[in-house]
Protein backbone atom coordinates (compact mmCIF):
# COMPACT_ATOMS: atom_id res chain seq x y z
CA MET A 1 0.00 0.00 0.00
CA LYS A 2 2.84 2.42 0.83
CA ALA A 3 4.51 1.75 -2.54
CA ARG A 4 1.26 2.53 -4.37
CA ARG A 5 0.83 5.78 -2.43
CA ALA A 6 4.43 6.73 -3.18
CA ALA A 7 3.91 6.05 -6.91
CA ASN A 8 0.73 8.14 -6.91
CA SER A 9 2.44 10.95 -5.00
CA SER A 10 5.35 10.91 -7.42
CA ALA A 11 2.96 10.92 -10.40
CA VAL A 12 1.01 13.85 -8.95
CA THR A 13 4.25 15.79 -8.47
CA LYS A 14 5.32 15.02 -12.05
CA ALA A 15 1.82 15.89 -13.33
CA ALA A 16 2.32 19.46 -12.08
CA ARG A 17 4.98 19.82 -14.79
CA TYR A 18 2.37 19.64 -17.55
CA ILE A 19 0.00 22.42 -18.60
CA LYS A 20 -3.65 21.52 -18.25
CA PHE A 21 -6.49 23.39 -19.96
CA VAL A 22 -10.13 23.46 -18.92
CA GLU A 23 -12.44 25.45 -21.15
CA TRP A 24 -16.11 25.74 -21.97
CA SER A 25 -17.26 24.12 -25.23
CA GLU A 26 -20.17 25.97 -26.80
CA ALA A 27 -20.64 23.14 -29.28
CA ASP A 28 -20.89 20.43 -26.60
CA GLN A 29 -22.24 22.59 -23.74
CA VAL A 30 -19.71 21.10 -21.29
CA TYR A 31 -16.31 21.92 -19.86
CA VAL A 32 -13.48 20.13 -21.65
CA GLY A 33 -10.15 19.39 -19.98
CA ARG A 34 -6.96 18.61 -21.92
CA CYS A 35 -3.28 17.99 -21.33
CA PRO A 36 -1.91 18.02 -24.89
CA ALA A 37 1.68 17.25 -23.88
CA LEU A 38 0.63 13.81 -22.60
CA PHE A 39 -2.42 12.64 -24.56
CA ALA A 40 -4.69 13.67 -27.41
CA GLY A 41 -7.99 12.90 -25.66
CA ALA A 42 -9.97 14.95 -23.21
CA VAL A 43 -12.19 14.70 -20.16
CA HIS A 44 -15.48 16.56 -19.97
CA GLY A 45 -18.33 17.42 -17.64
CA HIS A 46 -20.73 20.10 -16.47
CA VAL A 47 -18.82 21.25 -13.37
CA GLU A 48 -15.52 22.97 -14.12
CA ALA A 49 -13.81 22.07 -10.83
CA LYS A 50 -14.74 18.40 -11.22
CA VAL A 51 -13.39 18.36 -14.78
CA TYR A 52 -10.09 19.81 -13.56
CA LYS A 53 -9.87 17.25 -10.74
CA GLU A 54 -10.61 14.40 -13.15
CA LEU A 55 -8.05 15.78 -15.60
CA CYS A 56 -5.39 15.85 -12.87
CA ASP A 57 -6.23 12.24 -11.96
CA VAL A 58 -6.03 11.14 -15.61
CA VAL A 59 -2.68 12.90 -16.09
CA ALA A 60 -1.27 11.13 -13.02
CA GLU A 61 -2.57 7.78 -14.35
CA TRP A 62 -0.94 8.41 -17.74
CA ILE A 63 2.38 9.15 -16.04
CA ILE A 64 2.18 5.95 -13.96
CA ASN A 65 1.39 3.88 -17.06
CA ILE A 66 4.16 5.46 -19.15
CA GLU A 67 6.67 4.76 -16.39
CA LYS A 68 5.42 1.17 -15.93
CA ARG A 69 6.13 0.56 -19.63
CA GLY A 70 9.65 1.92 -19.11
CA GLU A 71 9.12 4.73 -21.60
CA PRO A 72 10.44 8.26 -21.09
CA LEU A 73 7.95 10.97 -20.20
CA PRO A 74 7.41 13.74 -22.74
CA ALA A 75 9.21 16.99 -22.02
CA PRO A 76 7.37 19.04 -19.39
CA SER A 77 5.21 21.81 -20.81
CA ALA A 78 4.80 23.93 -17.66
CA GLY A 79 7.29 26.73 -17.27
CA GLN A 80 7.84 26.99 -21.02
CA GLY A 81 7.35 30.67 -21.70
CA SER A 82 5.09 32.87 -19.62
CA ILE A 83 2.26 30.41 -18.95
CA HIS A 84 2.91 27.89 -16.18
CA LYS A 85 -0.59 26.50 -15.75
CA ARG A 86 -3.90 27.77 -17.06
CA ILE A 87 -7.07 27.03 -15.19
CA LEU A 88 -10.11 28.91 -16.41
CA ARG A 89 -12.31 29.81 -13.46
CA GLY A 90 -15.80 31.15 -13.17
CA SER A 91 -19.31 30.10 -13.88
CA ASN A 92 -20.73 28.81 -17.13
CA PRO A 93 -20.27 31.76 -19.50
CA THR A 94 -23.61 31.08 -21.19
CA ARG A 95 -25.61 31.55 -17.99
């Protein structure tokens, strides 16, 4: 159990090195969360904070799986230029 917690903690720390985007999709009427440096897919939902939390969890899972396969992680995207992390906050812009 301690080893699993340590792996998750390490993955969460490494996940902070990647920019995550959460934005409102007019077309889908949901918030969409992405981490383009790690994967092409997205998470989505109606509550922005929940989408961000789920995105962080998915990023950590991706990191764990990449490391389990013995593959190198992509270069970190946070800290590249002036944007370190972008989290869009606020209520649904259409309401």
